[in-house]
Amino acid sequence: MIAFVPSRPALGFVITVLASLTAVAVHAQDASPWQDDGHSAVRLLAGSRSGAVLLGGIAFKLKPGWHTYWRTPGDSGVPPRFDFSKSDNVEAVTVLWPAPTKFDDGAGGTSLGYHDQVILPLRIVTKNAEKPVTLRATINYAVCEKLCIPVEADAELAFTSVASTEDSVLFAALDTVPKPANVGDPNPLTIRDVEREGRSEVLVDVVSPDAKPVNLFVEGPTPDWGLPVPKLLDHGPPGVKRFAFALDGVPPGVNPEGAALKLTLVGGDRAYEFNINLE
């Protein structure tokens, strides 16, 4: 038998390749395979395994010209839906939503969502911090260009890494989630005031630090509320951007007085979330 002994350069190459394959294998443990439907792809991401509350994510990739929707889709659209009930050692999963962008819905209205790529961070509460955790998700969403296509994907991922290779992208995604704020907070971008005008319209006064575009979105207390996307008025008080929205889309028989509304304010790289009660 003839034994082949690699030269030093060849041995170095072999070690490099093995190290690369090991790195790929480690990386693969922190992300599930992409589930590709031809227009988009989705997968799960796992953060570092530490404590009873874990950070994960749902990553979407969308082909150019295609988009998917925010938790409130705007004038038209279908919000994503997630089922984590088949997971192992998971008590609860909270989906966190990066600030959306606006799209023309093709029917004269405005839709809210994401294009290119987005990561929805997940806050995962385990039942037992000492036992293995496997996240299983059934993901239903719509991907749209001129027409919308429904997509259903199943993904599975075990949380095993003490130091995940996905931590940096997950923390970056967390930074895109609107921060909680209160009306009147002294942030550079803030809501100064919210008031009713008559019985059917709400005015929202926004202070912005510069001339960059500012968007405002409103959600009702339950998914069956369908409030319109607030519109920026041409004229408002000096130094203020005034938005208005009608109290359309309130469920039949519901009195909006005192209703808990969520306002999301987005400007440049800043985004804030305000919980108010409608007076």
C-alpha atoms as a PDB file:
ATOM      1  CA  MET A   1       0.000   0.000   0.000  1.00  0.00           C
ATOM      2  CA  ILE A   2       1.250   3.467  -0.848  1.00  0.00           C
ATOM      3  CA  ALA A   3       0.437   6.127   1.731  1.00  0.00           C
ATOM      4  CA  PHE A   4       0.079   9.728   0.562  1.00  0.00           C
ATOM      5  CA  VAL A   5       1.536  12.304   2.944  1.00  0.00           C
ATOM      6  CA  PRO A   6       0.465  15.843   1.961  1.00  0.00           C
ATOM      7  CA  SER A   7       3.094  18.527   1.690  1.00  0.00           C
ATOM      8  CA  ARG A   8       2.988  21.446   4.132  1.00  0.00           C
ATOM      9  CA  PRO A   9       1.146  23.762   1.685  1.00  0.00           C
ATOM     10  CA  ALA A  10      -1.356  21.017   0.859  1.00  0.00           C
ATOM     11  CA  LEU A  11      -1.811  20.231   4.551  1.00  0.00           C
ATOM     12  CA  GLY A  12      -2.449  23.894   5.229  1.00  0.00           C
ATOM     13  CA  PHE A  13      -5.063  23.948   2.483  1.00  0.00           C
ATOM     14  CA  VAL A  14      -6.784  20.857   3.935  1.00  0.00           C
ATOM     15  CA  ILE A  15      -6.861  22.424   7.419  1.00  0.00           C
ATOM     16  CA  THR A  16      -8.321  25.647   5.977  1.00  0.00           C
ATOM     17  CA  VAL A  17     -11.035  23.745   4.127  1.00  0.00           C
ATOM     18  CA  LEU A  18     -11.920  21.716   7.219  1.00  0.00           C
ATOM     19  CA  ALA A  19     -12.065  24.881   9.306  1.00  0.00           C
ATOM     20  CA  SER A  20     -14.341  26.505   6.742  1.00  0.00           C
ATOM     21  CA  LEU A  21     -16.625  23.477   6.678  1.00  0.00           C
ATOM     22  CA  THR A  22     -16.735  23.518  10.481  1.00  0.00           C
ATOM     23  CA  ALA A  23     -17.673  27.212  10.449  1.00  0.00           C
ATOM     24  CA  VAL A  24     -20.424  26.527   7.921  1.00  0.00           C
ATOM     25  CA  ALA A  25     -21.742  23.664  10.065  1.00  0.00           C
ATOM     26  CA  VAL A  26     -21.739  25.868  13.182  1.00  0.00           C
ATOM     27  CA  HIS A  27     -23.505  28.651  11.262  1.00  0.00           C
ATOM     28  CA  ALA A  28     -26.085  26.183   9.977  1.00  0.00           C
ATOM     29  CA  GLN A  29     -27.009  25.301  13.574  1.00  0.00           C
ATOM     30  CA  ASP A  30     -28.059  28.916  14.178  1.00  0.00           C
ATOM     31  CA  ALA A  31     -30.337  29.208  11.122  1.00  0.00           C
ATOM     32  CA  SER A  32     -32.814  26.815   9.548  1.00  0.00           C
ATOM     33  CA  PRO A  33     -32.691  26.150   5.782  1.00  0.00           C
ATOM     34  CA  TRP A  34     -34.369  28.723   3.551  1.00  0.00           C
ATOM     35  CA  GLN A  35     -37.920  27.763   2.531  1.00  0.00           C
ATOM     36  CA  ASP A  36     -38.154  29.207  -1.001  1.00  0.00           C
ATOM     37  CA  ASP A  37     -41.404  29.645  -2.941  1.00  0.00           C
ATOM     38  CA  GLY A  38     -39.849  31.265  -6.035  1.00  0.00           C
ATOM     39  CA  HIS A  39     -40.705  34.861  -5.100  1.00  0.00           C
ATOM     40  CA  SER A  40     -39.606  34.884  -1.471  1.00  0.00           C
ATOM     41  CA  ALA A  41     -37.828  32.781   1.126  1.00  0.00           C
ATOM     42  CA  VAL A  42     -38.158  32.459   4.879  1.00  0.00           C
ATOM     43  CA  ARG A  43     -36.163  30.833   7.674  1.00  0.00           C
ATOM     44  CA  LEU A  44     -35.721  30.871  11.463  1.00  0.00           C
ATOM     45  CA  LEU A  45     -32.717  32.344  13.295  1.00  0.00           C
ATOM     46  CA  ALA A  46     -31.501  31.381  16.768  1.00  0.00           C
ATOM     47  CA  GLY A  47     -29.697  33.708  19.135  1.00  0.00           C
ATOM     48  CA  SER A  48     -27.350  32.653  21.912  1.00  0.00           C
ATOM     49  CA  ARG A  49     -28.670  30.116  24.412  1.00  0.00           C
ATOM     50  CA  SER A  50     -28.686  31.935  27.740  1.00  0.00           C
ATOM     51  CA  GLY A  51     -31.351  32.054  30.450  1.00  0.00           C
ATOM     52  CA  ALA A  52     -35.106  31.489  30.245  1.00  0.00           C
ATOM     53  CA  VAL A  53     -35.781  34.222  27.642  1.00  0.00           C
ATOM     54  CA  LEU A  54     -34.191  33.698  24.236  1.00  0.00           C
ATOM     55  CA  LEU A  55     -33.852  35.936  21.198  1.00  0.00           C
ATOM     56  CA  GLY A  56     -34.730  34.464  17.821  1.00  0.00           C
ATOM     57  CA  GLY A  57     -35.951  35.728  14.492  1.00  0.00           C
ATOM     58  CA  ILE A  58     -37.939  35.068  11.329  1.00  0.00           C
ATOM     59  CA  ALA A  59     -35.957  36.187   8.271  1.00  0.00           C
ATOM     60  CA  PHE A  60     -37.689  37.006   4.976  1.00  0.00           C
ATOM     61  CA  LYS A  61     -36.012  37.515   1.580  1.00  0.00           C
ATOM     62  CA  LEU A  62     -38.119  39.026  -1.201  1.00  0.00           C
ATOM     63  CA  LYS A  63     -37.309  39.254  -4.894  1.00  0.00           C
ATOM     64  CA  PRO A  64     -37.012  42.766  -6.393  1.00  0.00           C
ATOM     65  CA  GLY A  65     -40.431  44.348  -6.869  1.00  0.00           C
ATOM     66  CA  TRP A  66     -42.140  42.038  -4.345  1.00  0.00           C
ATOM     67  CA  HIS A  67     -43.279  42.871  -0.821  1.00  0.00           C
ATOM     68  CA  THR A  68     -45.006  41.370   2.192  1.00  0.00           C
ATOM     69  CA  TYR A  69     -47.067  42.947   4.961  1.00  0.00           C
ATOM     70  CA  TRP A  70     -46.758  44.438   8.433  1.00  0.00           C
ATOM     71  CA  ARG A  71     -48.959  43.259  11.342  1.00  0.00           C
ATOM     72  CA  THR A  72     -51.501  45.867  10.129  1.00  0.00           C
ATOM     73  CA  PRO A  73     -51.480  45.822   6.322  1.00  0.00           C
ATOM     74  CA  GLY A  74     -53.072  49.238   5.690  1.00  0.00           C
ATOM     75  CA  ASP A  75     -55.899  49.771   3.220  1.00  0.00           C
ATOM     76  CA  SER A  76     -55.416  46.294   1.741  1.00  0.00           C
ATOM     77  CA  GLY A  77     -53.271  43.239   2.287  1.00  0.00           C
ATOM     78  CA  VAL A  78     -52.892  40.195   4.517  1.00  0.00           C
ATOM     79  CA  PRO A  79     -50.786  40.294   7.698  1.00  0.00           C
ATOM     80  CA  PRO A  80     -48.449  37.356   8.390  1.00  0.00           C
ATOM     81  CA  ARG A  81     -49.646  34.698  10.807  1.00  0.00           C
ATOM     82  CA  PHE A  82     -47.456  32.416  12.908  1.00  0.00           C
ATOM     83  CA  ASP A  83     -48.120  29.190  14.809  1.00  0.00           C
ATOM     84  CA  PHE A  84     -45.453  28.078  17.295  1.00  0.00           C
ATOM     85  CA  SER A  85     -47.627  25.544  19.147  1.00  0.00           C
ATOM     86  CA  LYS A  86     -45.587  22.500  18.070  1.00  0.00           C
ATOM     87  CA  SER A  87     -42.359  23.825  19.617  1.00  0.00           C
ATOM     88  CA  ASP A  88     -40.544  21.940  22.383  1.00  0.00           C
ATOM     89  CA  ASN A  89     -39.965  23.559  25.799  1.00  0.00           C
ATOM     90  CA  VAL A  90     -41.436  26.906  24.690  1.00  0.00           C
ATOM     91  CA  GLU A  91     -43.916  28.709  26.937  1.00  0.00           C
ATOM     92  CA  ALA A  92     -44.603  31.765  24.751  1.00  0.00           C
ATOM     93  CA  VAL A  93     -43.332  33.557  21.648  1.00  0.00           C
ATOM     94  CA  THR A  94     -43.740  37.295  21.049  1.00  0.00           C
ATOM     95  CA  VAL A  95     -43.201  38.593  17.514  1.00  0.00           C
ATOM     96  CA  LEU A  96     -41.583  42.048  17.362  1.00  0.00           C
ATOM     97  CA  TRP A  97     -42.217  44.165  14.283  1.00  0.00           C
ATOM     98  CA  PRO A  98     -39.703  46.525  12.632  1.00  0.00           C
ATOM     99  CA  ALA A  99     -41.173  49.821  11.419  1.00  0.00           C
ATOM    100  CA  PRO A 100     -42.899  49.304   8.040  1.00  0.00           C
ATOM    101  CA  THR A 101     -42.771  51.289   4.822  1.00  0.00           C
ATOM    102  CA  LYS A 102     -45.698  52.415   2.637  1.00  0.00           C
ATOM    103  CA  PHE A 103     -46.703  50.973  -0.750  1.00  0.00           C
ATOM    104  CA  ASP A 104     -49.299  51.939  -3.322  1.00  0.00           C
ATOM    105  CA  ASP A 105     -51.789  49.071  -3.145  1.00  0.00           C
ATOM    106  CA  GLY A 106     -52.734  49.437  -6.809  1.00  0.00           C
ATOM    107  CA  ALA A 107     -56.312  50.450  -5.999  1.00  0.00           C
ATOM    108  CA  GLY A 108     -55.763  54.029  -4.867  1.00  0.00           C
ATOM    109  CA  GLY A 109     -54.927  53.082  -1.285  1.00  0.00           C
ATOM    110  CA  THR A 110     -51.839  52.508   0.840  1.00  0.00           C
ATOM    111  CA  SER A 111     -50.428  49.221   2.113  1.00  0.00           C
ATOM    112  CA  LEU A 112     -47.841  48.806   4.867  1.00  0.00           C
ATOM    113  CA  GLY A 113     -45.056  46.262   4.880  1.00  0.00           C
ATOM    114  CA  TYR A 114     -41.548  45.293   3.836  1.00  0.00           C
ATOM    115  CA  HIS A 115     -39.515  44.773   0.665  1.00  0.00           C
ATOM    116  CA  ASP A 116     -36.105  43.217  -0.115  1.00  0.00           C
ATOM    117  CA  GLN A 117     -35.450  41.615   3.267  1.00  0.00           C
ATOM    118  CA  VAL A 118     -36.548  41.911   6.869  1.00  0.00           C
ATOM    119  CA  ILE A 119     -36.018  40.084  10.152  1.00  0.00           C
ATOM    120  CA  LEU A 120     -38.851  39.924  12.676  1.00  0.00           C
ATOM    121  CA  PRO A 121     -37.230  39.435  16.105  1.00  0.00           C
ATOM    122  CA  LEU A 122     -38.774  36.842  18.421  1.00  0.00           C
ATOM    123  CA  ARG A 123     -38.819  36.973  22.216  1.00  0.00           C
ATOM    124  CA  ILE A 124     -39.035  33.324  23.297  1.00  0.00           C
ATOM    125  CA  VAL A 125     -39.887  32.331  26.867  1.00  0.00           C
ATOM    126  CA  THR A 126     -38.837  28.783  27.707  1.00  0.00           C
ATOM    127  CA  LYS A 127     -40.623  26.441  30.104  1.00  0.00           C
ATOM    128  CA  ASN A 128     -37.336  25.200  31.576  1.00  0.00           C
ATOM    129  CA  ALA A 129     -34.080  27.059  30.973  1.00  0.00           C
ATOM    130  CA  GLU A 130     -32.050  23.877  31.578  1.00  0.00           C
ATOM    131  CA  LYS A 131     -33.732  21.712  28.938  1.00  0.00           C
ATOM    132  CA  PRO A 132     -33.308  21.664  25.126  1.00  0.00           C
ATOM    133  CA  VAL A 133     -35.367  24.151  23.103  1.00  0.00           C
ATOM    134  CA  THR A 134     -36.656  23.543  19.589  1.00  0.00           C
ATOM    135  CA  LEU A 135     -38.699  26.213  17.858  1.00  0.00           C
ATOM    136  CA  ARG A 136     -41.186  24.993  15.234  1.00  0.00           C
ATOM    137  CA  ALA A 137     -43.128  27.544  13.224  1.00  0.00           C
ATOM    138  CA  THR A 138     -45.857  27.397  10.630  1.00  0.00           C
ATOM    139  CA  ILE A 139     -45.594  30.701   8.764  1.00  0.00           C
ATOM    140  CA  ASN A 140     -48.447  32.018   6.618  1.00  0.00           C
ATOM    141  CA  TYR A 141     -47.905  35.222   4.668  1.00  0.00           C
ATOM    142  CA  ALA A 142     -48.659  36.894   1.352  1.00  0.00           C
ATOM    143  CA  VAL A 143     -45.988  37.977  -1.108  1.00  0.00           C
ATOM    144  CA  CYS A 144     -47.122  40.550  -3.643  1.00  0.00           C
ATOM    145  CA  GLU A 145     -46.023  42.278  -6.816  1.00  0.00           C
ATOM    146  CA  LYS A 146     -49.055  43.226  -8.933  1.00  0.00           C
ATOM    147  CA  LEU A 147     -50.888  40.180  -7.609  1.00  0.00           C
ATOM    148  CA  CYS A 148     -50.573  38.546  -4.192  1.00  0.00           C
ATOM    149  CA  ILE A 149     -49.593  34.925  -3.690  1.00  0.00           C
ATOM    150  CA  PRO A 150     -50.298  33.146  -0.376  1.00  0.00           C
ATOM    151  CA  VAL A 151     -47.357  31.246   1.086  1.00  0.00           C
ATOM    152  CA  GLU A 152     -47.229  28.651   3.855  1.00  0.00           C
ATOM    153  CA  ALA A 153     -43.871  27.445   5.172  1.00  0.00           C
ATOM    154  CA  ASP A 154     -42.828  25.171   8.028  1.00  0.00           C
ATOM    155  CA  ALA A 155     -39.499  25.716   9.738  1.00  0.00           C
ATOM    156  CA  GLU A 156     -37.724  24.092  12.671  1.00  0.00           C
ATOM    157  CA  LEU A 157     -34.638  25.141  14.606  1.00  0.00           C
ATOM    158  CA  ALA A 158     -32.952  24.007  17.828  1.00  0.00           C
ATOM    159  CA  PHE A 159     -31.334  26.594  20.106  1.00  0.00           C
ATOM    160  CA  THR A 160     -27.947  25.094  20.903  1.00  0.00           C
ATOM    161  CA  SER A 161     -25.249  27.761  20.639  1.00  0.00           C
ATOM    162  CA  VAL A 162     -23.763  29.398  23.697  1.00  0.00           C
ATOM    163  CA  ALA A 163     -22.604  32.181  21.352  1.00  0.00           C
ATOM    164  CA  SER A 164     -24.724  32.311  18.201  1.00  0.00           C
ATOM    165  CA  THR A 165     -23.320  33.541  14.884  1.00  0.00           C
ATOM    166  CA  GLU A 166     -26.696  35.259  14.314  1.00  0.00           C
ATOM    167  CA  ASP A 167     -26.551  37.498  17.397  1.00  0.00           C
ATOM    168  CA  SER A 168     -25.327  40.577  15.517  1.00  0.00           C
ATOM    169  CA  VAL A 169     -28.077  40.484  12.871  1.00  0.00           C
ATOM    170  CA  LEU A 170     -30.733  39.795  15.516  1.00  0.00           C
ATOM    171  CA  PHE A 171     -29.648  42.769  17.634  1.00  0.00           C
ATOM    172  CA  ALA A 172     -29.551  44.935  14.505  1.00  0.00           C
ATOM    173  CA  ALA A 173     -33.134  43.844  13.775  1.00  0.00           C
ATOM    174  CA  LEU A 174     -34.129  44.766  17.334  1.00  0.00           C
ATOM    175  CA  ASP A 175     -32.866  48.299  16.679  1.00  0.00           C
ATOM    176  CA  THR A 176     -35.417  48.667  13.850  1.00  0.00           C
ATOM    177  CA  VAL A 177     -38.369  47.920  16.169  1.00  0.00           C
ATOM    178  CA  PRO A 178     -40.126  51.140  17.283  1.00  0.00           C
ATOM    179  CA  LYS A 179     -39.276  52.178  20.840  1.00  0.00           C
ATOM    180  CA  PRO A 180     -42.061  52.824  23.383  1.00  0.00           C
ATOM    181  CA  ALA A 181     -42.776  56.507  24.005  1.00  0.00           C
ATOM    182  CA  ASN A 182     -45.395  58.810  25.500  1.00  0.00           C
ATOM    183  CA  VAL A 183     -47.163  61.789  23.941  1.00  0.00           C
ATOM    184  CA  GLY A 184     -45.180  64.915  24.789  1.00  0.00           C
ATOM    185  CA  ASP A 185     -41.844  63.129  25.367  1.00  0.00           C
ATOM    186  CA  PRO A 186     -38.887  65.430  24.587  1.00  0.00           C
ATOM    187  CA  ASN A 187     -37.488  63.179  21.841  1.00  0.00           C
ATOM    188  CA  PRO A 188     -36.318  64.892  18.623  1.00  0.00           C
ATOM    189  CA  LEU A 189     -39.109  63.001  16.849  1.00  0.00           C
ATOM    190  CA  THR A 190     -42.273  62.900  18.931  1.00  0.00           C
ATOM    191  CA  ILE A 191     -46.024  63.322  19.070  1.00  0.00           C
ATOM    192  CA  ARG A 192     -46.867  66.613  20.742  1.00  0.00           C
ATOM    193  CA  ASP A 193     -50.639  66.260  20.932  1.00  0.00           C
ATOM    194  CA  VAL A 194     -53.611  64.083  19.928  1.00  0.00           C
ATOM    195  CA  GLU A 195     -57.114  65.540  19.803  1.00  0.00           C
ATOM    196  CA  ARG A 196     -60.548  64.817  18.399  1.00  0.00           C
ATOM    197  CA  GLU A 197     -62.080  67.146  15.839  1.00  0.00           C
ATOM    198  CA  GLY A 198     -65.791  66.558  16.022  1.00  0.00           C
ATOM    199  CA  ARG A 199     -66.880  62.954  16.383  1.00  0.00           C
ATOM    200  CA  SER A 200     -65.325  61.473  13.278  1.00  0.00           C
ATOM    201  CA  GLU A 201     -61.748  62.752  12.920  1.00  0.00           C
ATOM    202  CA  VAL A 202     -58.550  62.617  14.964  1.00  0.00           C
ATOM    203  CA  LEU A 203     -55.687  65.103  14.621  1.00  0.00           C
ATOM    204  CA  VAL A 204     -52.119  64.182  15.582  1.00  0.00           C
ATOM    205  CA  ASP A 205     -49.423  66.868  15.879  1.00  0.00           C
ATOM    206  CA  VAL A 206     -45.871  65.645  15.272  1.00  0.00           C
ATOM    207  CA  VAL A 207     -42.564  67.400  15.901  1.00  0.00           C
ATOM    208  CA  SER A 208     -39.724  66.325  13.600  1.00  0.00           C
ATOM    209  CA  PRO A 209     -36.060  67.426  13.846  1.00  0.00           C
ATOM    210  CA  ASP A 210     -35.501  67.859  10.103  1.00  0.00           C
ATOM    211  CA  ALA A 211     -37.112  67.835   6.693  1.00  0.00           C
ATOM    212  CA  LYS A 212     -36.952  64.063   6.246  1.00  0.00           C
ATOM    213  CA  PRO A 213     -40.270  62.352   5.431  1.00  0.00           C
ATOM    214  CA  VAL A 214     -42.321  61.325   8.461  1.00  0.00           C
ATOM    215  CA  ASN A 215     -44.980  58.622   8.472  1.00  0.00           C
ATOM    216  CA  LEU A 216     -47.670  57.885  11.037  1.00  0.00           C
ATOM    217  CA  PHE A 217     -49.666  54.656  11.370  1.00  0.00           C
ATOM    218  CA  VAL A 218     -52.609  53.880  13.653  1.00  0.00           C
ATOM    219  CA  GLU A 219     -54.035  50.606  14.959  1.00  0.00           C
ATOM    220  CA  GLY A 220     -57.175  49.852  16.920  1.00  0.00           C
ATOM    221  CA  PRO A 221     -57.381  47.773  20.102  1.00  0.00           C
ATOM    222  CA  THR A 222     -58.389  44.575  18.237  1.00  0.00           C
ATOM    223  CA  PRO A 223     -57.662  43.175  14.744  1.00  0.00           C
ATOM    224  CA  ASP A 224     -61.241  43.823  13.594  1.00  0.00           C
ATOM    225  CA  TRP A 225     -60.616  47.572  13.680  1.00  0.00           C
ATOM    226  CA  GLY A 226     -59.687  48.867  10.213  1.00  0.00           C
ATOM    227  CA  LEU A 227     -58.602  52.479  10.766  1.00  0.00           C
ATOM    228  CA  PRO A 228     -57.211  54.273   7.679  1.00  0.00           C
ATOM    229  CA  VAL A 229     -53.580  55.326   7.278  1.00  0.00           C
ATOM    230  CA  PRO A 230     -53.257  58.898   8.659  1.00  0.00           C
ATOM    231  CA  LYS A 231     -52.632  61.596   6.051  1.00  0.00           C
ATOM    232  CA  LEU A 232     -50.264  64.541   6.412  1.00  0.00           C
ATOM    233  CA  LEU A 233     -52.216  67.785   6.070  1.00  0.00           C
ATOM    234  CA  ASP A 234     -50.923  70.605   3.875  1.00  0.00           C
ATOM    235  CA  HIS A 235     -51.266  73.177   6.652  1.00  0.00           C
ATOM    236  CA  GLY A 236     -50.671  72.817  10.373  1.00  0.00           C
ATOM    237  CA  PRO A 237     -49.451  74.893  13.325  1.00  0.00           C
ATOM    238  CA  PRO A 238     -45.958  76.452  12.943  1.00  0.00           C
ATOM    239  CA  GLY A 239     -43.185  73.906  13.505  1.00  0.00           C
ATOM    240  CA  VAL A 240     -45.643  71.004  13.554  1.00  0.00           C
ATOM    241  CA  LYS A 241     -46.570  68.304  11.060  1.00  0.00           C
ATOM    242  CA  ARG A 242     -50.277  67.634  11.483  1.00  0.00           C
ATOM    243  CA  PHE A 243     -51.732  64.256  10.554  1.00  0.00           C
ATOM    244  CA  ALA A 244     -55.415  63.387  10.400  1.00  0.00           C
ATOM    245  CA  PHE A 245     -57.409  60.179  10.182  1.00  0.00           C
ATOM    246  CA  ALA A 246     -61.116  59.478  10.183  1.00  0.00           C
ATOM    247  CA  LEU A 247     -62.716  57.081  12.614  1.00  0.00           C
ATOM    248  CA  ASP A 248     -63.665  54.786   9.772  1.00  0.00           C
ATOM    249  CA  GLY A 249     -63.363  51.046  10.108  1.00  0.00           C
ATOM    250  CA  VAL A 250     -64.599  50.930  13.716  1.00  0.00           C
ATOM    251  CA  PRO A 251     -66.452  47.627  14.263  1.00  0.00           C
ATOM    252  CA  PRO A 252     -70.253  47.965  14.086  1.00  0.00           C
ATOM    253  CA  GLY A 253     -71.856  48.850  17.404  1.00  0.00           C
ATOM    254  CA  VAL A 254     -68.537  49.821  19.048  1.00  0.00           C
ATOM    255  CA  ASN A 255     -68.218  53.231  20.715  1.00  0.00           C
ATOM    256  CA  PRO A 256     -64.684  54.543  20.016  1.00  0.00           C
ATOM    257  CA  GLU A 257     -64.773  56.759  23.111  1.00  0.00           C
ATOM    258  CA  GLY A 258     -61.858  55.776  25.352  1.00  0.00           C
ATOM    259  CA  ALA A 259     -60.562  53.131  22.912  1.00  0.00           C
ATOM    260  CA  ALA A 260     -56.923  52.115  23.253  1.00  0.00           C
ATOM    261  CA  LEU A 261     -55.089  53.051  20.050  1.00  0.00           C
ATOM    262  CA  LYS A 262     -51.492  52.408  19.034  1.00  0.00           C
ATOM    263  CA  LEU A 263     -49.702  55.119  17.029  1.00  0.00           C
ATOM    264  CA  THR A 264     -46.419  54.271  15.268  1.00  0.00           C
ATOM    265  CA  LEU A 265     -44.302  57.261  14.251  1.00  0.00           C
ATOM    266  CA  VAL A 266     -41.464  56.728  11.757  1.00  0.00           C
ATOM    267  CA  GLY A 267     -38.950  59.322  10.568  1.00  0.00           C
ATOM    268  CA  GLY A 268     -35.501  58.603   9.110  1.00  0.00           C
ATOM    269  CA  ASP A 269     -33.808  56.007  11.296  1.00  0.00           C
ATOM    270  CA  ARG A 270     -36.052  56.743  14.294  1.00  0.00           C
ATOM    271  CA  ALA A 271     -39.333  55.031  15.147  1.00  0.00           C
ATOM    272  CA  TYR A 272     -41.534  55.242  18.238  1.00  0.00           C
ATOM    273  CA  GLU A 273     -44.723  53.582  19.432  1.00  0.00           C
ATOM    274  CA  PHE A 274     -47.356  55.462  21.445  1.00  0.00           C
ATOM    275  CA  ASN A 275     -50.276  53.851  23.291  1.00  0.00           C
ATOM    276  CA  ILE A 276     -53.121  56.304  23.821  1.00  0.00           C
ATOM    277  CA  ASN A 277     -56.763  56.303  24.866  1.00  0.00           C
ATOM    278  CA  LEU A 278     -59.048  58.110  22.468  1.00  0.00           C
ATOM    279  CA  GLU A 279     -60.784  60.981  24.272  1.00  0.00           C
END
